Protein backbone atom coordinates (compact mmCIF):
# COMPACT_ATOMS: atom_id res chain seq x y z
CA UNK A 1 -13.58 29.14 14.89
CA UNK A 2 -11.90 27.92 11.64
CA UNK A 3 -10.81 31.45 10.99
CA UNK A 4 -9.12 31.93 14.26
CA UNK A 5 -5.42 31.72 15.11
CA UNK A 6 -4.49 30.26 18.59
CA UNK A 7 -1.04 30.19 20.64
CA UNK A 8 -0.84 27.54 23.34
CA UNK A 9 1.99 28.20 25.70
CA UNK A 10 2.85 25.16 28.13
CA UNK A 11 5.90 23.55 29.38
CA UNK A 12 4.55 20.16 29.13
CA UNK A 13 4.97 18.90 25.59
CA UNK A 14 2.46 16.21 26.10
CA UNK A 15 -0.26 18.72 26.83
CA UNK A 16 1.13 20.92 23.94
CA UNK A 17 0.67 17.93 21.56
CA UNK A 18 -2.67 16.87 22.93
CA UNK A 19 -4.11 20.33 22.71
CA UNK A 20 -2.84 20.84 19.16
CA UNK A 21 -4.15 17.52 17.92
CA UNK A 22 -7.59 18.44 19.23
CA UNK A 23 -7.56 22.19 18.33
CA UNK A 24 -6.15 21.96 14.72
CA UNK A 25 -9.45 20.64 13.46
CA UNK A 26 -11.14 23.88 14.66
CA UNK A 27 -8.71 26.57 14.33
CA UNK A 28 -7.28 27.77 11.10
CA UNK A 29 -3.64 27.83 12.68
CA UNK A 30 -2.58 26.48 16.06
CA UNK A 31 0.95 27.62 17.54
CA UNK A 32 2.56 25.81 20.39
CA UNK A 33 5.52 27.10 22.47
CA UNK A 34 7.18 25.28 25.37
CA UNK A 35 9.46 28.31 26.69
CA UNK A 36 7.57 31.20 28.06
CA UNK A 37 10.62 33.45 27.63
CA UNK A 38 9.65 33.63 23.96
CA UNK A 39 6.22 35.25 24.89
CA UNK A 40 7.67 38.75 24.27
CA UNK A 41 8.85 37.96 20.64
CA UNK A 42 5.47 36.01 19.85
CA UNK A 43 3.28 38.68 21.29
CA UNK A 44 5.24 41.57 19.71
CA UNK A 45 5.69 40.08 16.13
CA UNK A 46 2.37 38.04 15.56
CA UNK A 47 -1.35 38.14 15.96
CA UNK A 48 -3.42 35.68 17.86
CA UNK A 49 -7.18 35.63 18.43
CA UNK A 50 -6.68 33.67 21.67
CA UNK A 51 -3.68 32.60 23.95
CA UNK A 52 -3.86 29.57 26.03
CA UNK A 53 -1.52 30.21 28.79
CA UNK A 54 -0.26 27.77 31.62
CA UNK A 55 0.16 29.33 35.11
CA UNK A 56 3.19 27.45 36.29
CA UNK A 57 6.50 26.66 34.21
CA UNK A 58 8.91 25.84 36.98
CA UNK A 59 9.16 22.41 38.17
CA UNK A 60 7.63 21.94 41.67
CA UNK A 61 6.51 25.54 41.95
CA UNK A 62 2.68 25.92 41.91
CA UNK A 63 2.27 29.39 43.07
CA UNK A 64 0.97 30.82 39.79
CA UNK A 65 3.13 33.89 39.97
CA UNK A 66 4.67 33.14 36.55
CA UNK A 67 1.25 32.95 35.11
CA UNK A 68 0.33 36.20 36.55
CA UNK A 69 3.54 37.90 35.41
CA UNK A 70 2.95 36.81 31.78
CA UNK A 71 -0.69 37.60 31.85
CA UNK A 72 0.31 41.16 32.94
CA UNK A 73 2.92 41.35 30.18
CA UNK A 74 0.66 40.24 27.51
CA UNK A 75 -2.09 42.62 28.57
CA UNK A 76 0.19 45.55 28.90
CA UNK A 77 1.22 44.96 25.11
CA UNK A 78 -2.23 44.27 23.96
CA UNK A 79 -4.94 45.20 26.54
CA UNK A 80 -7.62 43.56 24.18
CA UNK A 81 -5.78 40.24 23.96
CA UNK A 82 -8.02 37.10 24.90
CA UNK A 83 -6.18 35.02 27.29
CA UNK A 84 -7.38 31.66 28.67
CA UNK A 85 -5.53 30.01 31.65
CA UNK A 86 -4.56 26.45 32.11
CA UNK A 87 -4.62 25.30 35.63
CA UNK A 88 -4.82 22.11 37.66
CA UNK A 89 -7.64 21.89 40.06
CA UNK A 90 -5.52 22.85 42.92
CA UNK A 91 -4.98 26.17 41.68
CA UNK A 92 -8.58 27.34 41.15
CA UNK A 93 -8.28 30.28 43.54
CA UNK A 94 -5.26 31.36 41.44
CA UNK A 95 -7.54 31.16 38.30
CA UNK A 96 -10.31 33.24 39.94
CA UNK A 97 -7.54 35.96 40.83
CA UNK A 98 -6.25 35.80 37.31
CA UNK A 99 -9.62 36.60 35.86
CA UNK A 100 -10.11 39.50 37.84
CA UNK A 101 -6.77 40.68 36.67
CA UNK A 102 -7.82 40.37 32.85
CA UNK A 103 -7.96 36.95 31.78
CA UNK A 104 -11.00 35.90 29.59
CA UNK A 105 -11.56 32.44 31.20
CA UNK A 106 -9.57 29.39 32.63
CA UNK A 107 -9.50 25.69 31.78
CA UNK A 108 -8.95 22.89 34.34
CA UNK A 109 -6.14 20.14 33.70
CA UNK A 110 -6.94 17.51 32.64
CA UNK A 111 -9.59 18.95 30.41
CA UNK A 112 -12.72 17.28 28.72
CA UNK A 113 -12.41 18.08 25.06
CA UNK A 114 -15.89 19.36 24.76
CA UNK A 115 -15.65 21.51 27.66
CA UNK A 116 -12.43 23.22 26.24
CA UNK A 117 -14.07 23.74 22.95
CA UNK A 118 -17.19 25.32 24.72
CA UNK A 119 -14.98 27.73 26.58
CA UNK A 120 -13.07 28.80 23.61
CA UNK A 121 -16.44 29.17 21.68
CA UNK A 122 -17.67 31.39 24.64
CA UNK A 123 -14.77 33.59 24.43
CA UNK A 124 -15.44 34.20 20.70
CA UNK A 125 -19.27 34.66 21.16
CA UNK A 126 -18.90 38.49 21.87
CA UNK A 127 -16.22 39.00 19.10
CA UNK A 128 -18.07 42.19 17.77
CA UNK A 129 -18.48 43.70 21.19
CA UNK A 130 -16.05 44.98 23.58
CA UNK A 131 -14.99 42.80 26.49
CA UNK A 132 -16.91 43.22 29.59
CA UNK A 133 -14.33 43.97 32.16
CA UNK A 134 -16.46 44.93 35.15
CA UNK A 135 -20.07 43.79 36.21
CA UNK A 136 -22.44 46.60 35.75
CA UNK A 137 -23.71 48.51 38.84
CA UNK A 138 -27.45 48.18 39.32
CA UNK A 139 -29.14 51.51 38.77
CA UNK A 140 -31.71 51.09 41.48
CA UNK A 141 -31.84 49.78 44.98
CA UNK A 142 -32.51 46.01 45.06
CA UNK A 143 -34.78 44.70 47.94
CA UNK A 144 -38.10 43.89 49.02
CA UNK A 145 -37.47 44.08 52.95
CA UNK A 146 -39.25 46.78 54.94
CA UNK A 147 -35.77 48.36 55.93
CA UNK A 148 -34.89 48.68 52.08
CA UNK A 149 -38.33 50.03 51.18
CA UNK A 150 -37.95 52.80 53.84
CA UNK A 151 -34.37 53.48 52.56
CA UNK A 152 -35.80 53.80 49.11
CA UNK A 153 -38.68 56.00 49.85
CA UNK A 154 -36.15 58.41 51.98
CA UNK A 155 -33.84 58.57 48.67
CA UNK A 156 -36.85 59.84 46.46
CA UNK A 157 -37.83 62.22 49.02
CA UNK A 158 -34.36 63.83 49.79
CA UNK A 159 -32.90 63.39 46.25
CA UNK A 160 -34.77 66.46 44.68
CA UNK A 161 -33.42 68.79 47.43
CA UNK A 162 -29.83 69.89 47.65
CA UNK A 163 -29.65 69.01 51.35
CA UNK A 164 -26.40 67.42 52.56
CA UNK A 165 -26.79 63.83 52.99
CA UNK A 166 -24.77 61.41 55.64
CA UNK A 167 -24.95 57.75 54.89
CA UNK A 168 -24.08 55.37 57.68
CA UNK A 169 -23.75 51.50 57.55
CA UNK A 170 -21.44 48.59 57.70
CA UNK A 171 -18.73 48.04 55.09
CA UNK A 172 -20.30 46.56 52.12
CA UNK A 173 -23.97 47.60 52.52
CA UNK A 174 -23.99 49.72 49.52
CA UNK A 175 -23.40 53.24 50.66
CA UNK A 176 -21.81 54.21 47.21
CA UNK A 177 -24.88 52.85 45.40
CA UNK A 178 -26.96 54.99 47.49
CA UNK A 179 -25.00 58.08 46.76
CA UNK A 180 -25.22 57.32 43.10
CA UNK A 181 -28.98 56.79 43.28
CA UNK A 182 -29.35 60.06 44.94
CA UNK A 183 -27.58 61.77 42.12
CA UNK A 184 -29.58 60.13 39.65
CA UNK A 185 -32.88 61.22 41.07
CA UNK A 186 -31.71 64.87 41.62
CA UNK A 187 -31.66 68.12 39.57
CA UNK A 188 -27.95 67.75 39.13
CA UNK A 189 -28.16 64.24 37.54
CA UNK A 190 -26.90 65.50 34.03
CA UNK A 191 -23.86 66.60 35.83
CA UNK A 192 -20.70 64.87 37.10
CA UNK A 193 -20.78 62.60 39.97
CA UNK A 194 -17.34 62.84 41.69
CA UNK A 195 -16.48 59.89 44.19
CA UNK A 196 -13.65 60.74 46.48
CA UNK A 197 -12.44 57.97 48.49
CA UNK A 198 -11.03 59.70 51.68
CA UNK A 199 -9.94 56.46 53.02
CA UNK A 200 -7.16 56.17 50.27
CA UNK A 201 -5.83 59.67 50.52
CA UNK A 202 -2.72 60.30 52.44
CA UNK A 203 -2.53 63.12 54.70
CA UNK A 204 0.20 64.96 52.73
CA UNK A 205 -2.03 64.88 49.45
CA UNK A 206 -5.01 65.44 51.10
CA UNK A 207 -5.55 69.09 50.13
CA UNK A 208 -4.05 68.59 46.71
CA UNK A 209 -6.70 65.83 45.99
CA UNK A 210 -9.61 67.59 47.05
CA UNK A 211 -8.99 71.21 46.46
CA UNK A 212 -6.12 71.05 43.83
CA UNK A 213 -2.76 72.80 43.49
CA UNK A 214 -1.05 75.41 41.26
CA UNK A 215 2.05 74.60 39.22
CA UNK A 216 5.24 74.64 41.49
CA UNK A 217 3.17 74.43 44.73
CA UNK A 218 5.43 71.54 45.87
CA UNK A 219 8.44 69.36 44.34
CA UNK A 220 6.20 67.14 42.31
CA UNK A 221 3.62 69.53 41.06
CA UNK A 222 4.85 70.08 37.53
CA UNK A 223 1.48 71.19 36.30
CA UNK A 224 -1.80 72.76 37.84
CA UNK A 225 -4.23 70.36 39.09
CA UNK A 226 -7.87 70.45 39.59
CA UNK A 227 -9.23 69.13 42.83
CA UNK A 228 -12.41 66.98 43.45
CA UNK A 229 -14.83 69.69 44.52
CA UNK A 230 -13.81 71.83 41.55
CA UNK A 231 -14.32 68.87 39.28
CA UNK A 232 -17.76 68.33 41.02
CA UNK A 233 -18.78 71.81 40.29
CA UNK A 234 -22.86 71.97 39.41
CA UNK A 235 -22.93 68.37 40.18
CA UNK A 236 -22.51 66.02 43.21
CA UNK A 237 -19.44 65.12 45.28
CA UNK A 238 -19.47 61.88 47.40
CA UNK A 239 -16.93 61.94 50.30
CA UNK A 240 -16.68 58.24 51.12
CA UNK A 241 -15.23 57.07 54.40
CA UNK A 242 -15.33 60.61 55.66
CA UNK A 243 -14.51 59.19 59.16
CA UNK A 244 -10.95 58.60 58.03
CA UNK A 245 -10.18 62.28 57.64
CA UNK A 246 -7.51 63.15 60.22
CA UNK A 247 -8.54 65.76 63.01
CA UNK A 248 -5.85 68.05 61.87
CA UNK A 249 -7.43 68.12 58.29
CA UNK A 250 -11.12 68.38 59.36
CA UNK A 251 -10.81 72.13 60.01
CA UNK A 252 -9.80 72.64 56.45
CA UNK A 253 -12.59 70.47 55.04
CA UNK A 254 -15.21 72.43 57.22
CA UNK A 255 -13.76 75.80 56.03
CA UNK A 256 -14.54 74.65 52.32
CA UNK A 257 -17.99 73.40 52.85
CA UNK A 258 -19.09 76.40 55.16
CA UNK A 259 -17.61 78.86 52.60
CA UNK A 260 -18.53 76.94 49.64
CA UNK A 261 -14.93 77.74 48.13
CA UNK A 262 -11.55 76.16 48.04
CA UNK A 263 -8.00 77.33 47.79
CA UNK A 264 -5.67 75.42 45.92
CA UNK A 265 -2.36 74.31 47.47
CA UNK A 266 0.50 77.17 46.55
CA UNK A 267 -2.24 79.68 45.87
CA UNK A 268 -4.24 82.38 48.10
CA UNK A 269 -7.03 82.64 45.64
CA UNK A 270 -10.41 81.35 46.72
CA UNK A 271 -12.25 79.27 44.06
CA UNK A 272 -16.00 78.97 44.36
CA UNK A 273 -17.87 75.81 43.98
CA UNK A 274 -21.37 74.55 43.72
CA UNK A 275 -21.81 71.05 44.52
CA UNK A 276 -24.18 68.58 46.10
CA UNK A 277 -22.61 67.16 49.19
CA UNK A 278 -22.97 63.39 50.12
CA UNK A 279 -20.73 61.92 52.66
CA UNK A 280 -20.61 58.14 54.02
CA UNK A 281 -18.84 56.28 56.79
CA UNK A 282 -18.94 52.97 58.39
CA UNK A 283 -17.50 54.52 61.54
CA UNK A 284 -19.54 55.00 65.00
CA UNK A 285 -19.20 58.62 64.01
CA UNK A 286 -21.31 59.85 67.17
CA UNK A 287 -18.76 57.88 69.43
CA UNK A 288 -15.93 59.57 67.53
CA UNK A 289 -17.42 63.19 68.34
CA UNK A 290 -17.63 62.25 72.00
CA UNK A 291 -14.03 60.82 71.92
CA UNK A 292 -13.19 64.18 70.26
CA UNK A 293 -11.49 62.30 67.24
CA UNK A 294 -14.28 63.92 64.91
CA UNK A 295 -15.44 67.44 65.01
CA UNK A 296 -18.92 68.16 66.08
CA UNK A 297 -19.36 71.26 63.86
CA UNK A 298 -18.24 68.96 61.00
CA UNK A 299 -20.60 66.43 61.44
CA UNK A 300 -23.51 69.00 61.89
CA UNK A 301 -22.35 70.49 58.51
CA UNK A 302 -22.65 67.18 56.72
CA UNK A 303 -25.59 65.44 58.21
CA UNK A 304 -28.75 67.61 57.43
CA UNK A 305 -30.37 64.16 56.48
CA UNK A 306 -29.06 60.83 57.81
CA UNK A 307 -29.85 57.56 55.70
CA UNK A 308 -28.88 54.34 57.83
CA UNK A 309 -28.27 51.24 55.80
CA UNK A 310 -29.04 47.91 57.53
CA UNK A 311 -26.66 45.06 57.24
CA UNK A 312 -27.75 42.27 55.13
CA UNK A 313 -28.40 39.74 57.72
CA UNK A 314 -31.09 41.79 58.68
CA UNK A 315 -32.78 41.96 55.10
CA UNK A 316 -34.21 38.36 55.10
CA UNK A 317 -35.43 37.41 51.48
CA UNK A 318 -33.24 40.27 50.05
CA UNK A 319 -30.17 37.86 50.43
CA UNK A 320 -31.77 35.40 47.71
CA UNK A 321 -33.02 38.38 45.72
CA UNK A 322 -29.55 39.83 45.50
CA UNK A 323 -28.11 36.34 44.80
CA UNK A 324 -30.27 35.98 41.80
CA UNK A 325 -29.45 39.32 40.75
CA UNK A 326 -25.57 38.89 40.84
CA UNK A 327 -25.97 35.38 39.33
CA UNK A 328 -27.74 36.87 36.25
CA UNK A 329 -24.85 39.51 35.99
CA UNK A 330 -21.78 37.11 36.45
CA UNK A 331 -23.36 34.18 34.27
CA UNK A 332 -23.52 36.67 31.24
CA UNK A 333 -20.12 38.16 32.09
CA UNK A 334 -18.44 34.77 32.22
CA UNK A 335 -20.61 33.13 29.50
CA UNK A 336 -21.91 30.40 31.95
CA UNK A 337 -25.18 28.75 31.36
CA UNK A 338 -26.52 28.47 35.02
CA UNK A 339 -30.29 28.03 35.75
CA UNK A 340 -30.22 29.26 39.42
CA UNK A 341 -29.58 28.25 42.88
CA UNK A 342 -30.35 24.99 44.44
CA UNK A 343 -32.53 24.60 47.54
CA UNK A 344 -29.71 23.53 49.87
CA UNK A 345 -27.60 26.57 48.75
CA UNK A 346 -30.54 28.96 49.34
CA UNK A 347 -30.79 27.56 53.05
CA UNK A 348 -27.04 28.06 53.33
CA UNK A 349 -27.04 31.63 52.10
CA UNK A 350 -30.12 32.38 54.26
CA UNK A 351 -28.21 31.05 57.53
CA UNK A 352 -24.95 32.68 56.99
CA UNK A 353 -24.19 35.96 59.08
CA UNK A 354 -22.75 38.04 55.96
CA UNK A 355 -20.08 39.98 58.01
CA UNK A 356 -19.16 41.56 54.44
CA UNK A 357 -22.89 42.37 53.58
CA UNK A 358 -23.78 42.79 49.91
CA UNK A 359 -20.27 43.15 48.62
CA UNK A 360 -19.38 39.78 50.12
CA UNK A 361 -22.39 38.18 48.79
CA UNK A 362 -21.54 39.68 45.32
CA UNK A 363 -18.05 38.14 45.69
CA UNK A 364 -19.45 34.68 46.60
CA UNK A 365 -21.77 34.58 43.63
CA UNK A 366 -19.02 35.80 41.12
CA UNK A 367 -16.51 33.13 42.43
CA UNK A 368 -19.26 30.39 42.47
CA UNK A 369 -20.23 31.13 38.84
CA UNK A 370 -16.51 31.16 37.83
CA UNK A 371 -15.66 27.74 39.34
CA UNK A 372 -18.84 25.76 38.84
CA UNK A 373 -19.05 23.01 36.53
CA UNK A 374 -22.73 22.51 36.99
CA UNK A 375 -25.94 24.01 35.55
CA UNK A 376 -27.32 25.14 39.01
CA UNK A 377 -25.18 26.70 41.68
CA UNK A 378 -24.93 24.29 44.62
CA UNK A 379 -23.32 23.63 48.04
CA UNK A 380 -20.28 22.11 46.31
CA UNK A 381 -19.45 25.58 44.35
CA UNK A 382 -18.45 27.05 47.82
CA UNK A 383 -15.65 26.58 50.14
CA UNK A 384 -17.38 25.85 53.34
CA UNK A 385 -15.85 25.70 56.84
CA UNK A 386 -17.61 25.09 60.36
CA UNK A 387 -17.55 27.57 63.35
CA UNK A 388 -17.70 26.12 66.90
CA UNK A 389 -21.41 26.18 66.44
CA UNK A 390 -21.83 23.08 64.19
CA UNK A 391 -25.30 24.30 63.32
CA UNK A 392 -23.87 27.52 61.80
CA UNK A 393 -21.97 26.85 58.59
CA UNK A 394 -19.83 29.72 57.08
CA UNK A 395 -19.29 30.34 53.56
CA UNK A 396 -15.46 31.12 53.37
CA UNK A 397 -14.99 33.69 50.72
CA UNK A 398 -11.85 35.23 49.18
CA UNK A 399 -11.82 39.10 48.77
CA UNK A 400 -9.25 39.01 46.09
CA UNK A 401 -10.51 42.12 44.49
CA UNK A 402 -10.67 43.87 48.00
CA UNK A 403 -7.29 42.79 49.05
CA UNK A 404 -5.91 43.88 45.85
CA UNK A 405 -7.34 47.40 46.08
CA UNK A 406 -6.36 47.67 49.73
CA UNK A 407 -2.79 46.70 48.58
CA UNK A 408 -2.56 49.09 45.90
CA UNK A 409 -3.93 52.02 48.18
CA UNK A 410 -1.40 51.13 50.87
CA UNK A 411 1.45 50.86 48.59
CA UNK A 412 0.58 54.22 46.90
CA UNK A 413 0.35 56.07 50.24
CA UNK A 414 3.84 54.70 51.29
CA UNK A 415 5.36 56.12 48.18
CA UNK A 416 3.22 59.11 48.23
CA UNK A 417 1.52 58.43 44.85
CA UNK A 418 4.64 57.62 42.97
CA UNK A 419 3.77 55.03 40.34
CA UNK A 420 7.41 53.99 39.71
CA UNK A 421 8.38 53.02 43.30
CA UNK A 422 4.95 51.53 44.13
CA UNK A 423 4.91 49.17 41.13
CA UNK A 424 8.39 48.16 41.92
CA UNK A 425 7.45 47.15 45.39
CA UNK A 426 4.40 45.33 44.13
CA UNK A 427 6.43 43.34 41.43
CA UNK A 428 4.50 44.71 38.54
CA UNK A 429 4.85 46.90 35.56
CA UNK A 430 3.89 50.40 35.74
CA UNK A 431 1.45 49.73 33.07
CA UNK A 432 -0.20 47.01 35.05
CA UNK A 433 -0.43 49.39 38.12
CA UNK A 434 -1.87 52.14 35.91
CA UNK A 435 -4.83 49.44 34.72
CA UNK A 436 -5.68 48.58 38.18
CA UNK A 437 -5.88 52.21 39.60
CA UNK A 438 -8.32 52.85 36.41
CA UNK A 439 -10.05 49.47 37.30
CA UNK A 440 -10.85 50.71 41.00
CA UNK A 441 -11.12 54.33 40.19
CA UNK A 442 -8.27 55.48 42.47
């Protein structure tokens, strides 16, 4: 690290001096700064290989909001800038959230010198590679339970056909992964897979999102737009959360599926499309039909073949298999040397009900990998509370990424997709909001 430059920003002079004293023996140049208001000048006029950033600068304020603000500012200016956060132990959840927002790592105060140097070394260990921003998605269904073996076999049987597929299952069971798996096994695998999250589309933008619009079709239609169906032509379109489509719009969707063509908003011309249709929902869709809140003819159109995904709690040893899988992914992503899961932790994972299914397990393992100070993941790496049944421990998880995604969707809906207004309400910059929209594929 002797050829690297580092900037340390903290309002505590003692922290600055101690860090500089240690790191000047390992870095070519160590700059320190007490005033965070000088960050714009420093970032715009100098180049640093890594920035150590405190999360709280105001006395008696421990929200971490200042750290989030300056992290966003730095990454807006230089998206590849490596930023490591200083945080007290009480701010561990803030550190997890900050890493998800783009920080490279975090360091607990007071730090252990060897651990600080190891963390910095880890950040530079991949200096010739692009930073990993997201955990890779598994390319095949993971599971050895009988339920998942049946699902995997069904996927292979139906993928080669062009039959419409409806995937049913609770939130977090992996419906999007199954859809991608079907596409990968299909004759359309070399064409586009287009994911349309219908749960995030407001009613007034529904037709424009799926079918597109022509220039001048409405006030903000400054140029022609290609809709998701046309974008998926010759490939696969995945209509996720189809149960969220309002009744008033279901007939328009049904018309497009029946006729295999769409009409752009503001146009009378029919545009044909050729796309494999896969839909998914966590709704009790047959009950919705009985309640007359979902059209029966639309259900018949989309469910030539149904695939039912079992909840994680019914998949037995798949829980540990998936936990080990995610451990490998996140240990690599966060450069953690972790050997495996302790026996007591394995028992706890198997005993838990997993209401959030595979997605919840993934978040639990990621969070544990981030915060652990051990070479084995164990019970101490989880926040645990007790239910009324003292024999049934619950792992309390923090869906920071899910909450952030839902907040963005809700705010964008409220402002009809207006980035400027949405970013103002959320208290972040337009560039930061664009980064998150790209991150969540919205």
